[in-house]
Structures are given as structure tokens and as C-alpha cells.
């Protein structure tokens, strides 16, 4: 989805401008690893039913987790039809942990 591409691109700028990384290339590499994990794992990773809070991003959604480091886990929400996966939303534990109780 174009919205996900835009989000990932903006995430690079956000991570760098908020001081999470000292150099833009570091932020770019971090986001690249998220994307690479999604692309290489979505078909095989353990998926879970999305909590009700996230229905605003789509019905019948699932999610899986990418553990970026000891402090941050990313939640990737998607819909699946046969072998087609549509990424609907991406968030992390710093923003959305309260919805995964």
C-alpha cells in the first residue's frame, strides 16, 4: 500500500530528527531492516488476530511482531487473501503496547 511506503519513508526522518539515530544512514538502515523482515517473513511468521482496537485499519486483520532491539517491538498489521498480503498499519510497543493486553 502506498500509505505504508510513505509511513516507512517518514519514519526514517522521524527517527533521525528526534535523535534516535545520529546519522540519517543509521535511521535508513533501521527502517530497511523492518521492511526486509516484513518481506521475508510475512508468509511464514506466526500471526495473531489483531486486537479490536485496530479494526479502524481494516477488518479480519492479523499481526506479527518484529523485535528490533531489547526496547522496541514493531507490530505489523495485515489482511490476507490466499497468497496476497496487504499491510494495513505498522506501530510499535512505545505507542500501542496498551492494546496488547
PDB file of N, CA and C in Angstrom:
ATOM      1  N   UNK A   1       0.836  -1.189   0.000  1.00  0.00           N
ATOM      2  CA  UNK A   1       0.000   0.000   0.000  1.00  0.00           C
ATOM      3  C   UNK A   1       0.872   1.241   0.000  1.00  0.00           C
ATOM      4  N   UNK A   2       0.522   2.213  -0.748  1.00  0.00           N
ATOM      5  CA  UNK A   2       1.326   3.437  -0.779  1.00  0.00           C
ATOM      6  C   UNK A   2       1.448   4.098   0.598  1.00  0.00           C
ATOM      7  N   UNK A   3       0.404   3.997   1.417  1.00  0.00           N
ATOM      8  CA  UNK A   3       0.453   4.619   2.743  1.00  0.00           C
ATOM      9  C   UNK A   3       1.563   4.023   3.602  1.00  0.00           C
ATOM     10  N   UNK A   4       1.790   2.724   3.465  1.00  0.00           N
ATOM     11  CA  UNK A   4       2.843   2.068   4.237  1.00  0.00           C
ATOM     12  C   UNK A   4       4.206   2.528   3.753  1.00  0.00           C
ATOM     13  N   UNK A   5       4.369   2.637   2.450  1.00  0.00           N
ATOM     14  CA  UNK A   5       5.638   3.137   1.895  1.00  0.00           C
ATOM     15  C   UNK A   5       5.919   4.552   2.405  1.00  0.00           C
ATOM     16  N   UNK A   6       4.892   5.375   2.399  1.00  0.00           N
ATOM     17  CA  UNK A   6       5.043   6.754   2.890  1.00  0.00           C
ATOM     18  C   UNK A   6       5.402   6.743   4.370  1.00  0.00           C
ATOM     19  N   UNK A   7       4.717   5.911   5.149  1.00  0.00           N
ATOM     20  CA  UNK A   7       4.994   5.820   6.587  1.00  0.00           C
ATOM     21  C   UNK A   7       6.446   5.430   6.839  1.00  0.00           C
ATOM     22  N   UNK A   8       6.929   4.412   6.134  1.00  0.00           N
ATOM     23  CA  UNK A   8       8.307   3.962   6.345  1.00  0.00           C
ATOM     24  C   UNK A   8       9.305   5.051   5.954  1.00  0.00           C
ATOM     25  N   UNK A   9       9.027   5.739   4.879  1.00  0.00           N
ATOM     26  CA  UNK A   9       9.904   6.836   4.461  1.00  0.00           C
ATOM     27  C   UNK A   9       9.916   7.939   5.524  1.00  0.00           C
ATOM     28  N   UNK A  10       8.732   8.295   6.024  1.00  0.00           N
ATOM     29  CA  UNK A  10       8.637   9.333   7.062  1.00  0.00           C
ATOM     30  C   UNK A  10       9.250   8.872   8.382  1.00  0.00           C
ATOM     31  N   UNK A  11       9.201   7.575   8.632  1.00  0.00           N
ATOM     32  CA  UNK A  11       9.800   7.035   9.854  1.00  0.00           C
ATOM     33  C   UNK A  11      11.305   7.280   9.884  1.00  0.00           C
ATOM     34  N   UNK A  12      11.941   7.192   8.754  1.00  0.00           N
ATOM     35  CA  UNK A  12      13.378   7.466   8.682  1.00  0.00           C
ATOM     36  C   UNK A  12      13.653   8.882   9.183  1.00  0.00           C
ATOM     37  N   UNK A  13      12.927   9.834   8.657  1.00  0.00           N
ATOM     38  CA  UNK A  13      13.102  11.241   9.059  1.00  0.00           C
ATOM     39  C   UNK A  13      12.767  11.442  10.537  1.00  0.00           C
ATOM     40  N   UNK A  14      11.703  10.828  10.991  1.00  0.00           N
ATOM     41  CA  UNK A  14      11.281  10.956  12.381  1.00  0.00           C
ATOM     42  C   UNK A  14      12.337  10.410  13.346  1.00  0.00           C
ATOM     43  N   UNK A  15      12.858   9.244  13.043  1.00  0.00           N
ATOM     44  CA  UNK A  15      13.878   8.645  13.907  1.00  0.00           C
ATOM     45  C   UNK A  15      15.141   9.492  13.969  1.00  0.00           C
ATOM     46  N   UNK A  16      15.526  10.037  12.832  1.00  0.00           N
ATOM     47  CA  UNK A  16      16.722  10.883  12.792  1.00  0.00           C
ATOM     48  C   UNK A  16      16.474  12.227  13.466  1.00  0.00           C
ATOM     49  N   UNK A  17      15.383  12.898  13.119  1.00  0.00           N
ATOM     50  CA  UNK A  17      15.134  14.241  13.655  1.00  0.00           C
ATOM     51  C   UNK A  17      14.850  14.238  15.156  1.00  0.00           C
ATOM     52  N   UNK A  18      14.334  13.127  15.683  1.00  0.00           N
ATOM     53  CA  UNK A  18      14.085  13.034  17.129  1.00  0.00           C
ATOM     54  C   UNK A  18      15.284  12.499  17.904  1.00  0.00           C
ATOM     55  N   UNK A  19      16.383  12.299  17.220  1.00  0.00           N
ATOM     56  CA  UNK A  19      17.625  11.935  17.887  1.00  0.00           C
ATOM     57  C   UNK A  19      17.789  10.468  18.246  1.00  0.00           C
ATOM     58  N   UNK A  20      16.970   9.601  17.674  1.00  0.00           N
ATOM     59  CA  UNK A  20      17.140   8.172  17.937  1.00  0.00           C
ATOM     60  C   UNK A  20      18.384   7.630  17.245  1.00  0.00           C
ATOM     61  N   UNK A  21      18.767   8.301  16.156  1.00  0.00           N
ATOM     62  CA  UNK A  21      19.978   7.945  15.437  1.00  0.00           C
ATOM     63  C   UNK A  21      20.761   9.214  15.151  1.00  0.00           C
ATOM     64  N   UNK A  22      22.081   9.092  15.167  1.00  0.00           N
ATOM     65  CA  UNK A  22      22.947  10.251  14.958  1.00  0.00           C
ATOM     66  C   UNK A  22      23.099  10.629  13.489  1.00  0.00           C
ATOM     67  N   UNK A  23      22.888   9.668  12.615  1.00  0.00           N
ATOM     68  CA  UNK A  23      23.078   9.898  11.189  1.00  0.00           C
ATOM     69  C   UNK A  23      21.870   9.372  10.409  1.00  0.00           C
ATOM     70  N   UNK A  24      21.490  10.046   9.336  1.00  0.00           N
ATOM     71  CA  UNK A  24      20.355   9.581   8.531  1.00  0.00           C
ATOM     72  C   UNK A  24      20.529   8.149   8.019  1.00  0.00           C
ATOM     73  N   UNK A  25      21.757   7.780   7.678  1.00  0.00           N
ATOM     74  CA  UNK A  25      22.001   6.433   7.168  1.00  0.00           C
ATOM     75  C   UNK A  25      21.663   5.366   8.209  1.00  0.00           C
ATOM     76  N   UNK A  26      21.878   5.675   9.482  1.00  0.00           N
ATOM     77  CA  UNK A  26      21.538   4.721  10.538  1.00  0.00           C
ATOM     78  C   UNK A  26      20.030   4.519  10.611  1.00  0.00           C
ATOM     79  N   UNK A  27      19.287   5.597  10.545  1.00  0.00           N
ATOM     80  CA  UNK A  27      17.826   5.510  10.559  1.00  0.00           C
ATOM     81  C   UNK A  27      17.325   4.760   9.325  1.00  0.00           C
ATOM     82  N   UNK A  28      17.932   5.029   8.178  1.00  0.00           N
ATOM     83  CA  UNK A  28      17.548   4.360   6.944  1.00  0.00           C
ATOM     84  C   UNK A  28      17.811   2.853   7.052  1.00  0.00           C
ATOM     85  N   UNK A  29      18.916   2.471   7.608  1.00  0.00           N
ATOM     86  CA  UNK A  29      19.253   1.065   7.772  1.00  0.00           C
ATOM     87  C   UNK A  29      18.270   0.374   8.723  1.00  0.00           C
ATOM     88  N   UNK A  30      17.899   1.051   9.796  1.00  0.00           N
ATOM     89  CA  UNK A  30      16.945   0.525  10.767  1.00  0.00           C
ATOM     90  C   UNK A  30      15.596   0.241  10.099  1.00  0.00           C
ATOM     91  N   UNK A  31      15.107   1.189   9.329  1.00  0.00           N
ATOM     92  CA  UNK A  31      13.825   1.029   8.642  1.00  0.00           C
ATOM     93  C   UNK A  31      13.941  -0.019   7.536  1.00  0.00           C
ATOM     94  N   UNK A  32      15.073  -0.068   6.875  1.00  0.00           N
ATOM     95  CA  UNK A  32      15.288  -1.090   5.852  1.00  0.00           C
ATOM     96  C   UNK A  32      15.176  -2.485   6.460  1.00  0.00           C
ATOM     97  N   UNK A  33      15.707  -2.666   7.663  1.00  0.00           N
ATOM     98  CA  UNK A  33      15.630  -3.974   8.325  1.00  0.00           C
ATOM     99  C   UNK A  33      14.190  -4.341   8.663  1.00  0.00           C
ATOM    100  N   UNK A  34      13.394  -3.358   9.050  1.00  0.00           N
ATOM    101  CA  UNK A  34      11.974  -3.620   9.304  1.00  0.00           C
ATOM    102  C   UNK A  34      11.310  -4.107   8.021  1.00  0.00           C
ATOM    103  N   UNK A  35      11.529  -3.369   6.947  1.00  0.00           N
ATOM    104  CA  UNK A  35      10.921  -3.729   5.660  1.00  0.00           C
ATOM    105  C   UNK A  35      11.407  -5.093   5.175  1.00  0.00           C
ATOM    106  N   UNK A  36      12.668  -5.338   5.314  1.00  0.00           N
ATOM    107  CA  UNK A  36      13.244  -6.611   4.888  1.00  0.00           C
ATOM    108  C   UNK A  36      12.630  -7.773   5.680  1.00  0.00           C
ATOM    109  N   UNK A  37      12.451  -7.574   6.974  1.00  0.00           N
ATOM    110  CA  UNK A  37      11.830  -8.605   7.802  1.00  0.00           C
ATOM    111  C   UNK A  37      10.392  -8.869   7.345  1.00  0.00           C
ATOM    112  N   UNK A  38       9.665  -7.809   7.096  1.00  0.00           N
ATOM    113  CA  UNK A  38       8.282  -7.962   6.631  1.00  0.00           C
ATOM    114  C   UNK A  38       8.250  -8.778   5.342  1.00  0.00           C
ATOM    115  N   UNK A  39       9.041  -8.372   4.386  1.00  0.00           N
ATOM    116  CA  UNK A  39       9.024  -9.032   3.081  1.00  0.00           C
ATOM    117  C   UNK A  39       9.461 -10.490   3.145  1.00  0.00           C
ATOM    118  N   UNK A  40      10.438 -10.785   3.989  1.00  0.00           N
ATOM    119  CA  UNK A  40      10.962 -12.151   4.036  1.00  0.00           C
ATOM    120  C   UNK A  40      10.189 -13.067   4.981  1.00  0.00           C
ATOM    121  N   UNK A  41       9.391 -12.505   5.880  1.00  0.00           N
ATOM    122  CA  UNK A  41       8.770 -13.325   6.921  1.00  0.00           C
ATOM    123  C   UNK A  41       7.257 -13.397   6.897  1.00  0.00           C
ATOM    124  N   UNK A  42       6.596 -12.493   6.226  1.00  0.00           N
ATOM    125  CA  UNK A  42       5.141 -12.385   6.349  1.00  0.00           C
ATOM    126  C   UNK A  42       4.420 -13.696   6.027  1.00  0.00           C
ATOM    127  N   UNK A  43       4.931 -14.474   5.106  1.00  0.00           N
ATOM    128  CA  UNK A  43       4.255 -15.710   4.715  1.00  0.00           C
ATOM    129  C   UNK A  43       4.487 -16.848   5.701  1.00  0.00           C
ATOM    130  N   UNK A  44       5.492 -16.742   6.546  1.00  0.00           N
ATOM    131  CA  UNK A  44       5.848 -17.873   7.412  1.00  0.00           C
ATOM    132  C   UNK A  44       5.809 -17.568   8.910  1.00  0.00           C
ATOM    133  N   UNK A  45       5.798 -16.312   9.266  1.00  0.00           N
ATOM    134  CA  UNK A  45       5.866 -15.942  10.676  1.00  0.00           C
ATOM    135  C   UNK A  45       4.551 -16.269  11.387  1.00  0.00           C
ATOM    136  N   UNK A  46       4.625 -16.473  12.693  1.00  0.00           N
ATOM    137  CA  UNK A  46       3.416 -16.738  13.487  1.00  0.00           C
ATOM    138  C   UNK A  46       2.553 -15.488  13.511  1.00  0.00           C
ATOM    139  N   UNK A  47       1.316 -15.610  13.037  1.00  0.00           N
ATOM    140  CA  UNK A  47       0.416 -14.458  13.013  1.00  0.00           C
ATOM    141  C   UNK A  47      -0.623 -14.608  14.112  1.00  0.00           C
ATOM    142  N   UNK A  48      -1.114 -13.459  14.572  1.00  0.00           N
ATOM    143  CA  UNK A  48      -2.121 -13.420  15.618  1.00  0.00           C
ATOM    144  C   UNK A  48      -3.274 -12.548  15.149  1.00  0.00           C
ATOM    145  N   UNK A  49      -4.462 -12.818  15.692  1.00  0.00           N
ATOM    146  CA  UNK A  49      -5.619 -11.991  15.377  1.00  0.00           C
ATOM    147  C   UNK A  49      -5.405 -10.605  15.976  1.00  0.00           C
ATOM    148  N   UNK A  50      -5.670  -9.584  15.200  1.00  0.00           N
ATOM    149  CA  UNK A  50      -5.473  -8.204  15.657  1.00  0.00           C
ATOM    150  C   UNK A  50      -6.470  -7.853  16.760  1.00  0.00           C
ATOM    151  N   UNK A  51      -6.014  -7.132  17.794  1.00  0.00           N
ATOM    152  CA  UNK A  51      -6.941  -6.665  18.825  1.00  0.00           C
ATOM    153  C   UNK A  51      -8.021  -5.762  18.215  1.00  0.00           C
ATOM    154  N   UNK A  52      -9.182  -5.732  18.857  1.00  0.00           N
ATOM    155  CA  UNK A  52     -10.323  -4.964  18.350  1.00  0.00           C
ATOM    156  C   UNK A  52     -10.003  -3.488  18.115  1.00  0.00           C
ATOM    157  N   UNK A  53      -9.108  -2.928  18.895  1.00  0.00           N
ATOM    158  CA  UNK A  53      -8.757  -1.513  18.757  1.00  0.00           C
ATOM    159  C   UNK A  53      -8.333  -1.165  17.326  1.00  0.00           C
ATOM    160  N   UNK A  54      -7.729  -2.094  16.630  1.00  0.00           N
ATOM    161  CA  UNK A  54      -7.145  -1.818  15.314  1.00  0.00           C
ATOM    162  C   UNK A  54      -8.103  -2.054  14.154  1.00  0.00           C
ATOM    163  N   UNK A  55      -9.364  -2.330  14.433  1.00  0.00           N
ATOM    164  CA  UNK A  55     -10.348  -2.564  13.367  1.00  0.00           C
ATOM    165  C   UNK A  55     -10.507  -1.333  12.469  1.00  0.00           C
ATOM    166  N   UNK A  56     -10.162  -0.171  12.987  1.00  0.00           N
ATOM    167  CA  UNK A  56     -10.271   1.041  12.168  1.00  0.00           C
ATOM    168  C   UNK A  56      -9.337   1.006  10.955  1.00  0.00           C
ATOM    169  N   UNK A  57      -8.371   0.091  10.961  1.00  0.00           N
ATOM    170  CA  UNK A  57      -7.443  -0.032   9.826  1.00  0.00           C
ATOM    171  C   UNK A  57      -7.850  -1.139   8.864  1.00  0.00           C
ATOM    172  N   UNK A  58      -8.882  -1.893   9.229  1.00  0.00           N
ATOM    173  CA  UNK A  58      -9.362  -2.952   8.364  1.00  0.00           C
ATOM    174  C   UNK A  58      -9.962  -4.093   9.157  1.00  0.00           C
ATOM    175  N   UNK A  59     -10.839  -4.836   8.502  1.00  0.00           N
ATOM    176  CA  UNK A  59     -11.484  -5.978   9.143  1.00  0.00           C
ATOM    177  C   UNK A  59     -10.669  -7.243   8.886  1.00  0.00           C
ATOM    178  N   UNK A  60     -10.887  -8.222   9.748  1.00  0.00           N
ATOM    179  CA  UNK A  60     -10.230  -9.527   9.608  1.00  0.00           C
ATOM    180  C   UNK A  60      -8.711  -9.397   9.487  1.00  0.00           C
ATOM    181  N   UNK A  61      -8.145  -8.608  10.366  1.00  0.00           N
ATOM    182  CA  UNK A  61      -6.704  -8.390  10.309  1.00  0.00           C
ATOM    183  C   UNK A  61      -5.954  -9.310  11.265  1.00  0.00           C
ATOM    184  N   UNK A  62      -4.719  -9.519  10.896  1.00  0.00           N
ATOM    185  CA  UNK A  62      -3.763 -10.246  11.722  1.00  0.00           C
ATOM    186  C   UNK A  62      -2.564  -9.334  11.939  1.00  0.00           C
ATOM    187  N   UNK A  63      -1.704  -9.743  12.851  1.00  0.00           N
ATOM    188  CA  UNK A  63      -0.461  -9.008  13.034  1.00  0.00           C
ATOM    189  C   UNK A  63       0.648  -9.973  13.404  1.00  0.00           C
ATOM    190  N   UNK A  64       1.870  -9.532  13.206  1.00  0.00           N
ATOM    191  CA  UNK A  64       3.042 -10.246  13.699  1.00  0.00           C
ATOM    192  C   UNK A  64       4.012  -9.219  14.236  1.00  0.00           C
ATOM    193  N   UNK A  65       4.994  -9.697  14.933  1.00  0.00           N
ATOM    194  CA  UNK A  65       5.900  -8.810  15.662  1.00  0.00           C
ATOM    195  C   UNK A  65       7.311  -8.916  15.099  1.00  0.00           C
ATOM    196  N   UNK A  66       7.939  -7.770  14.951  1.00  0.00           N
ATOM    197  CA  UNK A  66       9.361  -7.691  14.622  1.00  0.00           C
ATOM    198  C   UNK A  66      10.055  -7.046  15.818  1.00  0.00           C
ATOM    199  N   UNK A  67      10.915  -7.791  16.467  1.00  0.00           N
ATOM    200  CA  UNK A  67      11.645  -7.286  17.631  1.00  0.00           C
ATOM    201  C   UNK A  67      12.933  -6.637  17.125  1.00  0.00           C
ATOM    202  N   UNK A  68      12.927  -5.310  17.098  1.00  0.00           N
ATOM    203  CA  UNK A  68      14.066  -4.569  16.543  1.00  0.00           C
ATOM    204  C   UNK A  68      15.262  -4.558  17.493  1.00  0.00           C
ATOM    205  N   UNK A  69      14.977  -4.486  18.786  1.00  0.00           N
ATOM    206  CA  UNK A  69      16.038  -4.493  19.803  1.00  0.00           C
ATOM    207  C   UNK A  69      15.397  -4.799  21.152  1.00  0.00           C
ATOM    208  N   UNK A  70      16.157  -4.689  22.225  1.00  0.00           N
ATOM    209  CA  UNK A  70      15.648  -5.037  23.560  1.00  0.00           C
ATOM    210  C   UNK A  70      14.505  -4.135  24.013  1.00  0.00           C
ATOM    211  N   UNK A  71      14.410  -2.948  23.445  1.00  0.00           N
ATOM    212  CA  UNK A  71      13.397  -1.987  23.884  1.00  0.00           C
ATOM    213  C   UNK A  71      12.217  -1.804  22.940  1.00  0.00           C
ATOM    214  N   UNK A  72      12.381  -2.175  21.689  1.00  0.00           N
ATOM    215  CA  UNK A  72      11.359  -1.847  20.701  1.00  0.00           C
ATOM    216  C   UNK A  72      10.915  -3.056  19.896  1.00  0.00           C
ATOM    217  N   UNK A  73       9.604  -3.254  19.889  1.00  0.00           N
ATOM    218  CA  UNK A  73       8.968  -4.262  19.038  1.00  0.00           C
ATOM    219  C   UNK A  73       8.021  -3.537  18.099  1.00  0.00           C
ATOM    220  N   UNK A  74       8.026  -3.947  16.844  1.00  0.00           N
ATOM    221  CA  UNK A  74       7.136  -3.378  15.844  1.00  0.00           C
ATOM    222  C   UNK A  74       6.020  -4.367  15.559  1.00  0.00           C
ATOM    223  N   UNK A  75       4.803  -3.857  15.456  1.00  0.00           N
ATOM    224  CA  UNK A  75       3.621  -4.662  15.171  1.00  0.00           C
ATOM    225  C   UNK A  75       3.179  -4.344  13.746  1.00  0.00           C
ATOM    226  N   UNK A  76       3.139  -5.367  12.923  1.00  0.00           N
ATOM    227  CA  UNK A  76       2.782  -5.201  11.525  1.00  0.00           C
ATOM    228  C   UNK A  76       1.405  -5.840  11.319  1.00  0.00           C
ATOM    229  N   UNK A  77       0.435  -5.016  10.929  1.00  0.00           N
ATOM    230  CA  UNK A  77      -0.943  -5.468  10.739  1.00  0.00           C
ATOM    231  C   UNK A  77      -1.211  -5.678   9.261  1.00  0.00           C
ATOM    232  N   UNK A  78      -1.910  -6.757   8.956  1.00  0.00           N
ATOM    233  CA  UNK A  78      -2.157  -7.068   7.556  1.00  0.00           C
ATOM    234  C   UNK A  78      -3.438  -7.864   7.387  1.00  0.00           C
ATOM    235  N   UNK A  79      -3.918  -7.869   6.163  1.00  0.00           N
ATOM    236  CA  UNK A  79      -5.011  -8.723   5.734  1.00  0.00           C
ATOM    237  C   UNK A  79      -4.430  -9.704   4.733  1.00  0.00           C
ATOM    238  N   UNK A  80      -5.025 -10.885   4.702  1.00  0.00           N
ATOM    239  CA  UNK A  80      -4.521 -11.916   3.803  1.00  0.00           C
ATOM    240  C   UNK A  80      -5.658 -12.523   2.993  1.00  0.00           C
ATOM    241  N   UNK A  81      -5.425 -12.636   1.701  1.00  0.00           N
ATOM    242  CA  UNK A  81      -6.310 -13.370   0.799  1.00  0.00           C
ATOM    243  C   UNK A  81      -5.419 -14.281  -0.022  1.00  0.00           C
ATOM    244  N   UNK A  82      -5.569 -15.575   0.213  1.00  0.00           N
ATOM    245  CA  UNK A  82      -4.718 -16.572  -0.434  1.00  0.00           C
ATOM    246  C   UNK A  82      -3.254 -16.240  -0.150  1.00  0.00           C
ATOM    247  N   UNK A  83      -2.476 -16.035  -1.197  1.00  0.00           N
ATOM    248  CA  UNK A  83      -1.056 -15.727  -1.017  1.00  0.00           C
ATOM    249  C   UNK A  83      -0.754 -14.240  -1.143  1.00  0.00           C
ATOM    250  N   UNK A  84      -1.770 -13.409  -0.985  1.00  0.00           N
ATOM    251  CA  UNK A  84      -1.588 -11.956  -1.092  1.00  0.00           C
ATOM    252  C   UNK A  84      -1.740 -11.350   0.290  1.00  0.00           C
ATOM    253  N   UNK A  85      -0.766 -10.534   0.668  1.00  0.00           N
ATOM    254  CA  UNK A  85      -0.747  -9.883   1.971  1.00  0.00           C
ATOM    255  C   UNK A  85      -0.812  -8.375   1.774  1.00  0.00           C
ATOM    256  N   UNK A  86      -1.750  -7.743   2.457  1.00  0.00           N
ATOM    257  CA  UNK A  86      -1.909  -6.304   2.359  1.00  0.00           C
ATOM    258  C   UNK A  86      -1.581  -5.686   3.719  1.00  0.00           C
ATOM    259  N   UNK A  87      -0.458  -4.999   3.796  1.00  0.00           N
ATOM    260  CA  UNK A  87      -0.065  -4.335   5.037  1.00  0.00           C
ATOM    261  C   UNK A  87      -0.988  -3.143   5.235  1.00  0.00           C
ATOM    262  N   UNK A  88      -1.633  -3.081   6.393  1.00  0.00           N
ATOM    263  CA  UNK A  88      -2.602  -2.027   6.663  1.00  0.00           C
ATOM    264  C   UNK A  88      -2.105  -0.991   7.671  1.00  0.00           C
ATOM    265  N   UNK A  89      -1.194  -1.408   8.568  1.00  0.00           N
ATOM    266  CA  UNK A  89      -0.772  -0.489   9.622  1.00  0.00           C
ATOM    267  C   UNK A  89       0.486  -1.042  10.279  1.00  0.00           C
ATOM    268  N   UNK A  90       1.346  -0.134  10.726  1.00  0.00           N
ATOM    269  CA  UNK A  90       2.548  -0.505  11.460  1.00  0.00           C
ATOM    270  C   UNK A  90       2.646   0.421  12.669  1.00  0.00           C
ATOM    271  N   UNK A  91       2.922  -0.153  13.817  1.00  0.00           N
ATOM    272  CA  UNK A  91       3.101   0.626  15.037  1.00  0.00           C
ATOM    273  C   UNK A  91       4.143  -0.072  15.902  1.00  0.00           C
ATOM    274  N   UNK A  92       4.470   0.527  17.042  1.00  0.00           N
ATOM    275  CA  UNK A  92       5.428  -0.129  17.928  1.00  0.00           C
ATOM    276  C   UNK A  92       4.927  -0.148  19.366  1.00  0.00           C
ATOM    277  N   UNK A  93       5.657  -0.843  20.216  1.00  0.00           N
ATOM    278  CA  UNK A  93       5.236  -1.003  21.605  1.00  0.00           C
ATOM    279  C   UNK A  93       5.246   0.313  22.370  1.00  0.00           C
ATOM    280  N   UNK A  94       6.029   1.277  21.974  1.00  0.00           N
ATOM    281  CA  UNK A  94       6.061   2.571  22.663  1.00  0.00           C
ATOM    282  C   UNK A  94       4.759   3.350  22.444  1.00  0.00           C
ATOM    283  N   UNK A  95       4.099   3.096  21.340  1.00  0.00           N
ATOM    284  CA  UNK A  95       2.870   3.793  21.007  1.00  0.00           C
ATOM    285  C   UNK A  95       1.632   2.973  21.360  1.00  0.00           C
ATOM    286  N   UNK A  96       1.680   1.671  21.156  1.00  0.00           N
ATOM    287  CA  UNK A  96       0.450   0.873  21.209  1.00  0.00           C
ATOM    288  C   UNK A  96       0.466  -0.303  22.191  1.00  0.00           C
ATOM    289  N   UNK A  97       1.415  -0.371  23.075  1.00  0.00           N
ATOM    290  CA  UNK A  97       1.512  -1.518  23.984  1.00  0.00           C
ATOM    291  C   UNK A  97       0.240  -1.758  24.780  1.00  0.00           C
ATOM    292  N   UNK A  98      -0.464  -0.704  25.143  1.00  0.00           N
ATOM    293  CA  UNK A  98      -1.653  -0.847  25.978  1.00  0.00           C
ATOM    294  C   UNK A  98      -2.773  -1.643  25.306  1.00  0.00           C
ATOM    295  N   UNK A  99      -2.720  -1.811  23.996  1.00  0.00           N
ATOM    296  CA  UNK A  99      -3.765  -2.530  23.273  1.00  0.00           C
ATOM    297  C   UNK A  99      -3.490  -4.022  23.150  1.00  0.00           C
ATOM    298  N   UNK A 100      -2.353  -4.459  23.645  1.00  0.00           N
ATOM    299  CA  UNK A 100      -1.965  -5.861  23.543  1.00  0.00           C
ATOM    300  C   UNK A 100      -1.969  -6.551  24.902  1.00  0.00           C
ATOM    301  N   UNK A 101      -3.043  -6.357  25.644  1.00  0.00           N
ATOM    302  CA  UNK A 101      -3.144  -6.944  26.987  1.00  0.00           C
ATOM    303  C   UNK A 101      -3.788  -8.292  26.924  1.00  0.00           C
TER     304      UNK A 101
END
